[in-house]
Amino acid sequence: MPYVNIQITKGATRAQKARLVREVTGSLVRILGKKPEHTHIVIQEIAEGDWGFSGLLTDDWKKRQRTREGAPSAGHGKEHSRKRSVWGSRARQRGATE
């Protein structure tokens, strides 16, 4: 029974999470021949102040990046950080074999 734990910073939409579940399940089916009905996927959203990255809390790291790069253009920064949260996330898989 595959169990996949995906940890991301907060900000992903329900649609993005649903897509992650579909695509990760599909990969397990295609690559490992696992049954979708035996696949469990957990998405844990973690506050940026509770996630460390590159020696800093994620919210502090993002502030530093914005300072270095200048403020993001209107409407771009929020979507960009959401996309990075979902697609730049770490995924951990346990029990890939049944």
C-alpha atoms as a PDB file:
ATOM      1  CA  MET A   1       0.000   0.000   0.000  1.00  0.00           C
ATOM      2  CA  PRO A   2       1.786   3.179  -1.140  1.00  0.00           C
ATOM      3  CA  TYR A   3       1.732   6.099   1.262  1.00  0.00           C
ATOM      4  CA  VAL A   4       2.934   9.478  -0.032  1.00  0.00           C
ATOM      5  CA  ASN A   5       3.374  12.484   2.240  1.00  0.00           C
ATOM      6  CA  ILE A   6       3.700  15.823   0.444  1.00  0.00           C
ATOM      7  CA  GLN A   7       4.783  18.745   2.602  1.00  0.00           C
ATOM      8  CA  ILE A   8       4.324  22.234   1.157  1.00  0.00           C
ATOM      9  CA  THR A   9       4.130  25.752   2.475  1.00  0.00           C
ATOM     10  CA  LYS A  10       0.603  27.138   2.793  1.00  0.00           C
ATOM     11  CA  GLY A  11      -1.026  28.728  -0.219  1.00  0.00           C
ATOM     12  CA  ALA A  12      -1.947  25.934  -2.627  1.00  0.00           C
ATOM     13  CA  THR A  13      -5.510  25.990  -3.895  1.00  0.00           C
ATOM     14  CA  ARG A  14      -7.868  23.038  -3.576  1.00  0.00           C
ATOM     15  CA  ALA A  15      -7.601  22.543  -7.353  1.00  0.00           C
ATOM     16  CA  GLN A  16      -3.800  22.408  -7.166  1.00  0.00           C
ATOM     17  CA  LYS A  17      -3.939  19.854  -4.348  1.00  0.00           C
ATOM     18  CA  ALA A  18      -6.455  17.735  -6.268  1.00  0.00           C
ATOM     19  CA  ARG A  19      -4.141  17.789  -9.281  1.00  0.00           C
ATOM     20  CA  LEU A  20      -1.198  16.688  -7.123  1.00  0.00           C
ATOM     21  CA  VAL A  21      -3.220  13.764  -5.788  1.00  0.00           C
ATOM     22  CA  ARG A  22      -4.318  12.732  -9.312  1.00  0.00           C
ATOM     23  CA  GLU A  23      -0.870  13.020 -10.834  1.00  0.00           C
ATOM     24  CA  VAL A  24       1.044  11.340  -8.009  1.00  0.00           C
ATOM     25  CA  THR A  25      -1.506   8.501  -7.997  1.00  0.00           C
ATOM     26  CA  GLY A  26      -1.198   8.224 -11.780  1.00  0.00           C
ATOM     27  CA  SER A  27       2.591   8.019 -11.527  1.00  0.00           C
ATOM     28  CA  LEU A  28       2.409   5.205  -8.981  1.00  0.00           C
ATOM     29  CA  VAL A  29      -0.006   3.332 -11.248  1.00  0.00           C
ATOM     30  CA  ARG A  30       2.107   3.844 -14.414  1.00  0.00           C
ATOM     31  CA  ILE A  31       5.563   3.364 -12.950  1.00  0.00           C
ATOM     32  CA  LEU A  32       5.051   0.823 -10.177  1.00  0.00           C
ATOM     33  CA  GLY A  33       1.783  -0.836 -11.205  1.00  0.00           C
ATOM     34  CA  LYS A  34       0.077   0.146  -7.945  1.00  0.00           C
ATOM     35  CA  LYS A  35      -3.689   0.147  -7.560  1.00  0.00           C
ATOM     36  CA  PRO A  36      -5.227   3.617  -7.087  1.00  0.00           C
ATOM     37  CA  GLU A  37      -7.630   2.287  -4.462  1.00  0.00           C
ATOM     38  CA  HIS A  38      -4.645   1.222  -2.319  1.00  0.00           C
ATOM     39  CA  THR A  39      -2.797   4.531  -2.645  1.00  0.00           C
ATOM     40  CA  HIS A  40      -2.843   7.069   0.173  1.00  0.00           C
ATOM     41  CA  ILE A  41      -1.634  10.637  -0.302  1.00  0.00           C
ATOM     42  CA  VAL A  42      -1.417  13.174   2.505  1.00  0.00           C
ATOM     43  CA  ILE A  43      -0.782  16.852   1.829  1.00  0.00           C
ATOM     44  CA  GLN A  44       0.516  18.782   4.811  1.00  0.00           C
ATOM     45  CA  GLU A  45       0.527  22.554   4.587  1.00  0.00           C
ATOM     46  CA  ILE A  46       3.100  24.180   6.807  1.00  0.00           C
ATOM     47  CA  ALA A  47       3.218  27.865   7.723  1.00  0.00           C
ATOM     48  CA  GLU A  48       6.240  29.648   6.273  1.00  0.00           C
ATOM     49  CA  GLY A  49       7.289  30.611   9.794  1.00  0.00           C
ATOM     50  CA  ASP A  50       7.456  26.908  10.673  1.00  0.00           C
ATOM     51  CA  TRP A  51       9.593  25.837   7.685  1.00  0.00           C
ATOM     52  CA  GLY A  52      13.344  26.361   7.522  1.00  0.00           C
ATOM     53  CA  PHE A  53      15.171  26.816   4.229  1.00  0.00           C
ATOM     54  CA  SER A  54      18.753  27.796   3.490  1.00  0.00           C
ATOM     55  CA  GLY A  55      19.419  28.578   7.154  1.00  0.00           C
ATOM     56  CA  LEU A  56      16.375  30.847   7.500  1.00  0.00           C
ATOM     57  CA  LEU A  57      12.682  30.523   8.175  1.00  0.00           C
ATOM     58  CA  THR A  58      10.925  30.517   4.802  1.00  0.00           C
ATOM     59  CA  ASP A  59       9.093  33.792   5.414  1.00  0.00           C
ATOM     60  CA  ASP A  60      12.416  35.492   6.257  1.00  0.00           C
ATOM     61  CA  TRP A  61      14.083  33.923   3.206  1.00  0.00           C
ATOM     62  CA  LYS A  62      11.307  35.249   0.936  1.00  0.00           C
ATOM     63  CA  LYS A  63      11.651  38.726   2.464  1.00  0.00           C
ATOM     64  CA  ARG A  64      15.377  38.634   1.767  1.00  0.00           C
ATOM     65  CA  GLN A  65      14.756  37.542  -1.839  1.00  0.00           C
ATOM     66  CA  ARG A  66      12.239  40.342  -2.388  1.00  0.00           C
ATOM     67  CA  THR A  67      14.744  42.854  -1.011  1.00  0.00           C
ATOM     68  CA  ARG A  68      17.470  41.574  -3.344  1.00  0.00           C
ATOM     69  CA  GLU A  69      15.258  41.371  -6.422  1.00  0.00           C
ATOM     70  CA  GLY A  70      12.963  44.315  -5.730  1.00  0.00           C
ATOM     71  CA  ALA A  71       9.228  44.029  -5.137  1.00  0.00           C
ATOM     72  CA  PRO A  72       7.364  41.680  -7.523  1.00  0.00           C
ATOM     73  CA  SER A  73       5.160  43.277 -10.157  1.00  0.00           C
ATOM     74  CA  ALA A  74       1.488  43.703  -9.286  1.00  0.00           C
ATOM     75  CA  GLY A  75      -0.390  40.425  -9.285  1.00  0.00           C
ATOM     76  CA  HIS A  76       2.686  38.331 -10.077  1.00  0.00           C
ATOM     77  CA  GLY A  77       4.316  37.689  -6.716  1.00  0.00           C
ATOM     78  CA  LYS A  78       1.460  35.857  -5.032  1.00  0.00           C
ATOM     79  CA  GLU A  79       0.839  33.454  -7.923  1.00  0.00           C
ATOM     80  CA  HIS A  80       4.564  32.852  -8.319  1.00  0.00           C
ATOM     81  CA  SER A  81       4.964  31.942  -4.637  1.00  0.00           C
ATOM     82  CA  ARG A  82       1.954  29.603  -4.817  1.00  0.00           C
ATOM     83  CA  LYS A  83       3.393  27.853  -7.841  1.00  0.00           C
ATOM     84  CA  ARG A  84       6.784  27.546  -6.152  1.00  0.00           C
ATOM     85  CA  SER A  85       5.087  26.198  -3.006  1.00  0.00           C
ATOM     86  CA  VAL A  86       3.390  23.405  -4.903  1.00  0.00           C
ATOM     87  CA  TRP A  87       5.972  22.500  -7.518  1.00  0.00           C
ATOM     88  CA  GLY A  88       9.027  23.267  -5.401  1.00  0.00           C
ATOM     89  CA  SER A  89       7.798  21.153  -2.544  1.00  0.00           C
ATOM     90  CA  ARG A  90       9.504  18.143  -1.076  1.00  0.00           C
ATOM     91  CA  ALA A  91       7.647  14.879  -1.378  1.00  0.00           C
ATOM     92  CA  ARG A  92       8.429  11.822   0.697  1.00  0.00           C
ATOM     93  CA  GLN A  93       7.186   8.384  -0.241  1.00  0.00           C
ATOM     94  CA  ARG A  94       6.950   5.532   2.233  1.00  0.00           C
ATOM     95  CA  GLY A  95       5.982   1.961   1.534  1.00  0.00           C
ATOM     96  CA  ALA A  96       6.084   2.132  -2.259  1.00  0.00           C
ATOM     97  CA  THR A  97       5.652  -1.617  -2.475  1.00  0.00           C
ATOM     98  CA  GLU A  98       2.639  -3.538  -1.292  1.00  0.00           C
END
